[in-house]
């Protein structure tokens, strides 16, 4: 299956992919691993506009055509 990918912030330097091909029912964590995005570099993740918490990422299955947005952690003061 093919999932659309959009990354933001400093993650653009790590991942320039606009999609990822995955096995059926792959998880968000599996997609991040295939994209070579380190977990400690990930802030907010959403699938089709719905936030996916860190605890749910290993279990949240993706489907063909989903849009995965990965944002870098917010920092600053």
PDB file of N, CA and C in Angstrom:
ATOM      1  N   UNK A   1       0.852  -1.177   0.000  1.00  0.00           N
ATOM      2  CA  UNK A   1       0.000   0.000   0.000  1.00  0.00           C
ATOM      3  C   UNK A   1       0.887   1.226   0.000  1.00  0.00           C
ATOM      4  N   UNK A   2       0.338   2.340  -0.454  1.00  0.00           N
ATOM      5  CA  UNK A   2       1.079   3.593  -0.523  1.00  0.00           C
ATOM      6  C   UNK A   2       0.419   4.625   0.386  1.00  0.00           C
ATOM      7  N   UNK A   3       1.249   5.263   1.229  1.00  0.00           N
ATOM      8  CA  UNK A   3       0.801   6.288   2.164  1.00  0.00           C
ATOM      9  C   UNK A   3       1.492   7.595   1.805  1.00  0.00           C
ATOM     10  N   UNK A   4       0.724   8.668   1.718  1.00  0.00           N
ATOM     11  CA  UNK A   4       1.298   9.991   1.475  1.00  0.00           C
ATOM     12  C   UNK A   4       2.028  10.441   2.726  1.00  0.00           C
ATOM     13  N   UNK A   5       3.132  11.157   2.552  1.00  0.00           N
ATOM     14  CA  UNK A   5       3.947  11.607   3.679  1.00  0.00           C
ATOM     15  C   UNK A   5       4.225  13.100   3.544  1.00  0.00           C
ATOM     16  N   UNK A   6       4.108  13.801   4.665  1.00  0.00           N
ATOM     17  CA  UNK A   6       4.508  15.206   4.730  1.00  0.00           C
ATOM     18  C   UNK A   6       5.254  15.391   6.041  1.00  0.00           C
ATOM     19  N   UNK A   7       6.458  15.939   5.963  1.00  0.00           N
ATOM     20  CA  UNK A   7       7.239  16.218   7.165  1.00  0.00           C
ATOM     21  C   UNK A   7       7.440  17.715   7.285  1.00  0.00           C
ATOM     22  N   UNK A   8       7.669  18.183   8.514  1.00  0.00           N
ATOM     23  CA  UNK A   8       7.843  19.612   8.744  1.00  0.00           C
ATOM     24  C   UNK A   8       9.101  19.863   9.565  1.00  0.00           C
ATOM     25  N   UNK A   9       9.475  21.131   9.623  1.00  0.00           N
ATOM     26  CA  UNK A   9      10.600  21.554  10.445  1.00  0.00           C
ATOM     27  C   UNK A   9      11.896  20.889  10.022  1.00  0.00           C
ATOM     28  N   UNK A  10      12.742  20.621  11.014  1.00  0.00           N
ATOM     29  CA  UNK A  10      14.061  20.049  10.748  1.00  0.00           C
ATOM     30  C   UNK A  10      13.974  18.647  10.167  1.00  0.00           C
ATOM     31  N   UNK A  11      12.813  18.018  10.238  1.00  0.00           N
ATOM     32  CA  UNK A  11      12.664  16.672   9.675  1.00  0.00           C
ATOM     33  C   UNK A  11      12.807  16.659   8.157  1.00  0.00           C
ATOM     34  N   UNK A  12      12.618  17.820   7.542  1.00  0.00           N
ATOM     35  CA  UNK A  12      12.789  17.913   6.090  1.00  0.00           C
ATOM     36  C   UNK A  12      14.216  17.529   5.706  1.00  0.00           C
ATOM     37  N   UNK A  13      15.178  17.823   6.595  1.00  0.00           N
ATOM     38  CA  UNK A  13      16.574  17.455   6.328  1.00  0.00           C
ATOM     39  C   UNK A  13      16.798  15.952   6.437  1.00  0.00           C
ATOM     40  N   UNK A  14      15.950  15.266   7.178  1.00  0.00           N
ATOM     41  CA  UNK A  14      16.085  13.819   7.390  1.00  0.00           C
ATOM     42  C   UNK A  14      15.302  13.034   6.341  1.00  0.00           C
ATOM     43  N   UNK A  15      14.136  13.542   5.986  1.00  0.00           N
ATOM     44  CA  UNK A  15      13.229  12.797   5.106  1.00  0.00           C
ATOM     45  C   UNK A  15      12.627  13.729   4.062  1.00  0.00           C
ATOM     46  N   UNK A  16      12.888  13.429   2.810  1.00  0.00           N
ATOM     47  CA  UNK A  16      12.324  14.241   1.732  1.00  0.00           C
ATOM     48  C   UNK A  16      11.256  13.472   0.944  1.00  0.00           C
ATOM     49  N   UNK A  17      10.859  12.314   1.451  1.00  0.00           N
ATOM     50  CA  UNK A  17       9.875  11.478   0.749  1.00  0.00           C
ATOM     51  C   UNK A  17       8.497  12.128   0.756  1.00  0.00           C
ATOM     52  N   UNK A  18       7.757  11.916  -0.312  1.00  0.00           N
ATOM     53  CA  UNK A  18       6.372  12.387  -0.347  1.00  0.00           C
ATOM     54  C   UNK A  18       5.397  11.227  -0.230  1.00  0.00           C
ATOM     55  N   UNK A  19       5.933  10.009  -0.167  1.00  0.00           N
ATOM     56  CA  UNK A  19       5.115   8.824   0.060  1.00  0.00           C
ATOM     57  C   UNK A  19       6.013   7.703   0.574  1.00  0.00           C
ATOM     58  N   UNK A  20       5.380   6.676   1.105  1.00  0.00           N
ATOM     59  CA  UNK A  20       6.103   5.477   1.536  1.00  0.00           C
ATOM     60  C   UNK A  20       5.249   4.268   1.179  1.00  0.00           C
ATOM     61  N   UNK A  21       5.894   3.234   0.663  1.00  0.00           N
ATOM     62  CA  UNK A  21       5.213   1.985   0.336  1.00  0.00           C
ATOM     63  C   UNK A  21       5.411   1.026   1.500  1.00  0.00           C
ATOM     64  N   UNK A  22       4.315   0.512   2.019  1.00  0.00           N
ATOM     65  CA  UNK A  22       4.331  -0.323   3.221  1.00  0.00           C
ATOM     66  C   UNK A  22       3.524  -1.592   3.004  1.00  0.00           C
ATOM     67  N   UNK A  23       3.755  -2.567   3.860  1.00  0.00           N
ATOM     68  CA  UNK A  23       2.924  -3.769   3.873  1.00  0.00           C
ATOM     69  C   UNK A  23       1.519  -3.380   4.356  1.00  0.00           C
ATOM     70  N   UNK A  24       0.525  -4.136   3.948  1.00  0.00           N
ATOM     71  CA  UNK A  24      -0.849  -3.871   4.394  1.00  0.00           C
ATOM     72  C   UNK A  24      -0.921  -3.837   5.914  1.00  0.00           C
ATOM     73  N   UNK A  25      -1.676  -2.878   6.434  1.00  0.00           N
ATOM     74  CA  UNK A  25      -1.935  -2.699   7.870  1.00  0.00           C
ATOM     75  C   UNK A  25      -0.665  -2.376   8.676  1.00  0.00           C
ATOM     76  N   UNK A  26       0.357  -1.829   8.018  1.00  0.00           N
ATOM     77  CA  UNK A  26       1.561  -1.406   8.740  1.00  0.00           C
ATOM     78  C   UNK A  26       1.181  -0.296   9.717  1.00  0.00           C
ATOM     79  N   UNK A  27       1.936  -0.199  10.801  1.00  0.00           N
ATOM     80  CA  UNK A  27       1.652   0.803  11.829  1.00  0.00           C
ATOM     81  C   UNK A  27       2.372   2.113  11.536  1.00  0.00           C
ATOM     82  N   UNK A  28       1.963   3.146  12.254  1.00  0.00           N
ATOM     83  CA  UNK A  28       2.630   4.437  12.162  1.00  0.00           C
ATOM     84  C   UNK A  28       4.107   4.275  12.512  1.00  0.00           C
ATOM     85  N   UNK A  29       4.415   3.546  13.579  1.00  0.00           N
ATOM     86  CA  UNK A  29       5.816   3.331  13.960  1.00  0.00           C
ATOM     87  C   UNK A  29       6.597   2.631  12.849  1.00  0.00           C
ATOM     88  N   UNK A  30       5.983   1.684  12.182  1.00  0.00           N
ATOM     89  CA  UNK A  30       6.660   0.994  11.082  1.00  0.00           C
ATOM     90  C   UNK A  30       6.933   1.956   9.929  1.00  0.00           C
ATOM     91  N   UNK A  31       5.998   2.855   9.664  1.00  0.00           N
ATOM     92  CA  UNK A  31       6.205   3.854   8.614  1.00  0.00           C
ATOM     93  C   UNK A  31       7.357   4.780   8.976  1.00  0.00           C
ATOM     94  N   UNK A  32       7.399   5.237  10.231  1.00  0.00           N
ATOM     95  CA  UNK A  32       8.490   6.112  10.671  1.00  0.00           C
ATOM     96  C   UNK A  32       9.835   5.407  10.537  1.00  0.00           C
ATOM     97  N   UNK A  33       9.880   4.138  10.891  1.00  0.00           N
ATOM     98  CA  UNK A  33      11.123   3.372  10.780  1.00  0.00           C
ATOM     99  C   UNK A  33      11.550   3.243   9.321  1.00  0.00           C
ATOM    100  N   UNK A  34      10.608   2.958   8.440  1.00  0.00           N
ATOM    101  CA  UNK A  34      10.942   2.807   7.022  1.00  0.00           C
ATOM    102  C   UNK A  34      11.412   4.133   6.429  1.00  0.00           C
ATOM    103  N   UNK A  35      10.897   5.244   6.955  1.00  0.00           N
ATOM    104  CA  UNK A  35      11.315   6.565   6.493  1.00  0.00           C
ATOM    105  C   UNK A  35      12.626   7.019   7.136  1.00  0.00           C
ATOM    106  N   UNK A  36      13.170   6.192   8.052  1.00  0.00           N
ATOM    107  CA  UNK A  36      14.411   6.508   8.768  1.00  0.00           C
ATOM    108  C   UNK A  36      14.317   7.788   9.582  1.00  0.00           C
ATOM    109  N   UNK A  37      13.151   8.022  10.175  1.00  0.00           N
ATOM    110  CA  UNK A  37      12.959   9.177  11.054  1.00  0.00           C
ATOM    111  C   UNK A  37      13.117   8.694  12.491  1.00  0.00           C
ATOM    112  N   UNK A  38      14.159   9.152  13.191  1.00  0.00           N
ATOM    113  CA  UNK A  38      14.378   8.716  14.580  1.00  0.00           C
ATOM    114  C   UNK A  38      13.222   9.139  15.484  1.00  0.00           C
ATOM    115  N   UNK A  39      12.788   8.241  16.345  1.00  0.00           N
ATOM    116  CA  UNK A  39      11.644   8.522  17.221  1.00  0.00           C
ATOM    117  C   UNK A  39      11.873   9.741  18.105  1.00  0.00           C
ATOM    118  N   UNK A  40      13.116   9.984  18.499  1.00  0.00           N
ATOM    119  CA  UNK A  40      13.384  11.134  19.362  1.00  0.00           C
ATOM    120  C   UNK A  40      13.324  12.459  18.602  1.00  0.00           C
ATOM    121  N   UNK A  41      13.205  12.397  17.283  1.00  0.00           N
ATOM    122  CA  UNK A  41      13.091  13.602  16.466  1.00  0.00           C
ATOM    123  C   UNK A  41      11.635  13.922  16.102  1.00  0.00           C
ATOM    124  N   UNK A  42      10.711  13.080  16.562  1.00  0.00           N
ATOM    125  CA  UNK A  42       9.299  13.210  16.185  1.00  0.00           C
ATOM    126  C   UNK A  42       8.516  13.900  17.290  1.00  0.00           C
ATOM    127  N   UNK A  43       7.753  14.907  16.904  1.00  0.00           N
ATOM    128  CA  UNK A  43       6.839  15.561  17.832  1.00  0.00           C
ATOM    129  C   UNK A  43       5.434  15.027  17.580  1.00  0.00           C
ATOM    130  N   UNK A  44       4.609  15.817  16.937  1.00  0.00           N
ATOM    131  CA  UNK A  44       3.232  15.436  16.636  1.00  0.00           C
ATOM    132  C   UNK A  44       3.174  14.615  15.351  1.00  0.00           C
ATOM    133  N   UNK A  45       2.333  13.595  15.380  1.00  0.00           N
ATOM    134  CA  UNK A  45       2.063  12.778  14.200  1.00  0.00           C
ATOM    135  C   UNK A  45       0.556  12.765  13.995  1.00  0.00           C
ATOM    136  N   UNK A  46       0.141  12.923  12.744  1.00  0.00           N
ATOM    137  CA  UNK A  46      -1.285  12.793  12.461  1.00  0.00           C
ATOM    138  C   UNK A  46      -1.489  11.916  11.236  1.00  0.00           C
ATOM    139  N   UNK A  47      -2.642  11.268  11.205  1.00  0.00           N
ATOM    140  CA  UNK A  47      -3.058  10.456  10.063  1.00  0.00           C
ATOM    141  C   UNK A  47      -4.405  11.000   9.626  1.00  0.00           C
ATOM    142  N   UNK A  48      -4.453  11.465   8.403  1.00  0.00           N
ATOM    143  CA  UNK A  48      -5.678  12.044   7.843  1.00  0.00           C
ATOM    144  C   UNK A  48      -6.237  13.146   8.740  1.00  0.00           C
ATOM    145  N   UNK A  49      -5.336  13.943   9.317  1.00  0.00           N
ATOM    146  CA  UNK A  49      -5.748  15.081  10.137  1.00  0.00           C
ATOM    147  C   UNK A  49      -6.053  14.755  11.582  1.00  0.00           C
ATOM    148  N   UNK A  50      -5.957  13.506  11.981  1.00  0.00           N
ATOM    149  CA  UNK A  50      -6.243  13.093  13.352  1.00  0.00           C
ATOM    150  C   UNK A  50      -4.930  12.779  14.070  1.00  0.00           C
ATOM    151  N   UNK A  51      -4.684  13.456  15.197  1.00  0.00           N
ATOM    152  CA  UNK A  51      -3.454  13.246  15.956  1.00  0.00           C
ATOM    153  C   UNK A  51      -3.369  11.804  16.455  1.00  0.00           C
ATOM    154  N   UNK A  52      -2.150  11.262  16.410  1.00  0.00           N
ATOM    155  CA  UNK A  52      -1.885   9.913  16.902  1.00  0.00           C
ATOM    156  C   UNK A  52      -0.848  10.038  18.017  1.00  0.00           C
ATOM    157  N   UNK A  53      -1.248   9.726  19.231  1.00  0.00           N
ATOM    158  CA  UNK A  53      -0.344   9.860  20.374  1.00  0.00           C
ATOM    159  C   UNK A  53       0.813   8.876  20.262  1.00  0.00           C
ATOM    160  N   UNK A  54       1.889   9.176  20.970  1.00  0.00           N
ATOM    161  CA  UNK A  54       3.072   8.307  20.967  1.00  0.00           C
ATOM    162  C   UNK A  54       2.703   6.886  21.396  1.00  0.00           C
ATOM    163  N   UNK A  55       1.810   6.761  22.370  1.00  0.00           N
ATOM    164  CA  UNK A  55       1.405   5.441  22.868  1.00  0.00           C
ATOM    165  C   UNK A  55       0.635   4.636  21.819  1.00  0.00           C
ATOM    166  N   UNK A  56      -0.066   5.301  20.916  1.00  0.00           N
ATOM    167  CA  UNK A  56      -0.885   4.607  19.920  1.00  0.00           C
ATOM    168  C   UNK A  56      -0.150   4.320  18.618  1.00  0.00           C
ATOM    169  N   UNK A  57       1.023   4.928  18.424  1.00  0.00           N
ATOM    170  CA  UNK A  57       1.741   4.772  17.152  1.00  0.00           C
ATOM    171  C   UNK A  57       2.098   3.330  16.813  1.00  0.00           C
ATOM    172  N   UNK A  58       2.467   2.491  17.786  1.00  0.00           N
ATOM    173  CA  UNK A  58       2.790   1.106  17.416  1.00  0.00           C
ATOM    174  C   UNK A  58       1.570   0.303  16.964  1.00  0.00           C
ATOM    175  N   UNK A  59       0.369   0.754  17.329  1.00  0.00           N
ATOM    176  CA  UNK A  59      -0.850  -0.015  17.065  1.00  0.00           C
ATOM    177  C   UNK A  59      -1.750   0.618  16.019  1.00  0.00           C
ATOM    178  N   UNK A  60      -1.504   1.886  15.664  1.00  0.00           N
ATOM    179  CA  UNK A  60      -2.365   2.579  14.711  1.00  0.00           C
ATOM    180  C   UNK A  60      -2.021   2.123  13.297  1.00  0.00           C
ATOM    181  N   UNK A  61      -2.908   1.326  12.720  1.00  0.00           N
ATOM    182  CA  UNK A  61      -2.685   0.790  11.375  1.00  0.00           C
ATOM    183  C   UNK A  61      -2.973   1.849  10.325  1.00  0.00           C
ATOM    184  N   UNK A  62      -2.201   1.810   9.274  1.00  0.00           N
ATOM    185  CA  UNK A  62      -2.388   2.706   8.142  1.00  0.00           C
ATOM    186  C   UNK A  62      -3.090   1.957   7.021  1.00  0.00           C
ATOM    187  N   UNK A  63      -3.712   2.717   6.129  1.00  0.00           N
ATOM    188  CA  UNK A  63      -4.398   2.133   4.977  1.00  0.00           C
ATOM    189  C   UNK A  63      -3.921   2.835   3.711  1.00  0.00           C
ATOM    190  N   UNK A  64      -4.084   2.165   2.596  1.00  0.00           N
ATOM    191  CA  UNK A  64      -3.692   2.735   1.314  1.00  0.00           C
ATOM    192  C   UNK A  64      -4.350   4.101   1.118  1.00  0.00           C
ATOM    193  N   UNK A  65      -3.546   5.100   0.754  1.00  0.00           N
ATOM    194  CA  UNK A  65      -4.066   6.441   0.496  1.00  0.00           C
ATOM    195  C   UNK A  65      -4.097   7.354   1.703  1.00  0.00           C
ATOM    196  N   UNK A  66      -3.798   6.833   2.898  1.00  0.00           N
ATOM    197  CA  UNK A  66      -3.745   7.692   4.085  1.00  0.00           C
ATOM    198  C   UNK A  66      -2.685   8.774   3.907  1.00  0.00           C
ATOM    199  N   UNK A  67      -2.847   9.876   4.645  1.00  0.00           N
ATOM    200  CA  UNK A  67      -1.834  10.925   4.677  1.00  0.00           C
ATOM    201  C   UNK A  67      -1.232  10.970   6.074  1.00  0.00           C
ATOM    202  N   UNK A  68       0.066  10.767   6.140  1.00  0.00           N
ATOM    203  CA  UNK A  68       0.825  10.782   7.388  1.00  0.00           C
ATOM    204  C   UNK A  68       1.597  12.093   7.445  1.00  0.00           C
ATOM    205  N   UNK A  69       1.338  12.879   8.487  1.00  0.00           N
ATOM    206  CA  UNK A  69       2.065  14.133   8.707  1.00  0.00           C
ATOM    207  C   UNK A  69       2.909  13.958   9.952  1.00  0.00           C
ATOM    208  N   UNK A  70       4.205  14.249   9.814  1.00  0.00           N
ATOM    209  CA  UNK A  70       5.158  14.095  10.917  1.00  0.00           C
ATOM    210  C   UNK A  70       5.797  15.448  11.173  1.00  0.00           C
ATOM    211  N   UNK A  71       5.613  15.934  12.402  1.00  0.00           N
ATOM    212  CA  UNK A  71       6.157  17.241  12.768  1.00  0.00           C
ATOM    213  C   UNK A  71       7.293  17.078  13.749  1.00  0.00           C
ATOM    214  N   UNK A  72       8.272  17.929  13.615  1.00  0.00           N
ATOM    215  CA  UNK A  72       9.372  17.954  14.573  1.00  0.00           C
ATOM    216  C   UNK A  72       8.857  18.483  15.904  1.00  0.00           C
ATOM    217  N   UNK A  73       9.533  18.126  17.009  1.00  0.00           N
ATOM    218  CA  UNK A  73       9.101  18.646  18.308  1.00  0.00           C
ATOM    219  C   UNK A  73       9.209  20.181  18.323  1.00  0.00           C
ATOM    220  N   UNK A  74       8.266  20.804  19.010  1.00  0.00           N
ATOM    221  CA  UNK A  74       8.317  22.258  19.170  1.00  0.00           C
ATOM    222  C   UNK A  74       9.312  22.592  20.267  1.00  0.00           C
ATOM    223  N   UNK A  75      10.161  23.550  19.986  1.00  0.00           N
ATOM    224  CA  UNK A  75      11.145  23.991  20.988  1.00  0.00           C
ATOM    225  C   UNK A  75      11.148  25.508  21.030  1.00  0.00           C
ATOM    226  N   UNK A  76      11.764  26.009  22.042  1.00  0.00           N
ATOM    227  CA  UNK A  76      11.875  27.464  22.141  1.00  0.00           C
ATOM    228  C   UNK A  76      11.417  27.950  23.494  1.00  0.00           C
ATOM    229  N   UNK A  77      11.452  29.227  23.673  1.00  0.00           N
ATOM    230  CA  UNK A  77      11.108  29.746  24.991  1.00  0.00           C
ATOM    231  C   UNK A  77      10.232  30.868  24.907  1.00  0.00           C
TER     232      UNK A  77
END
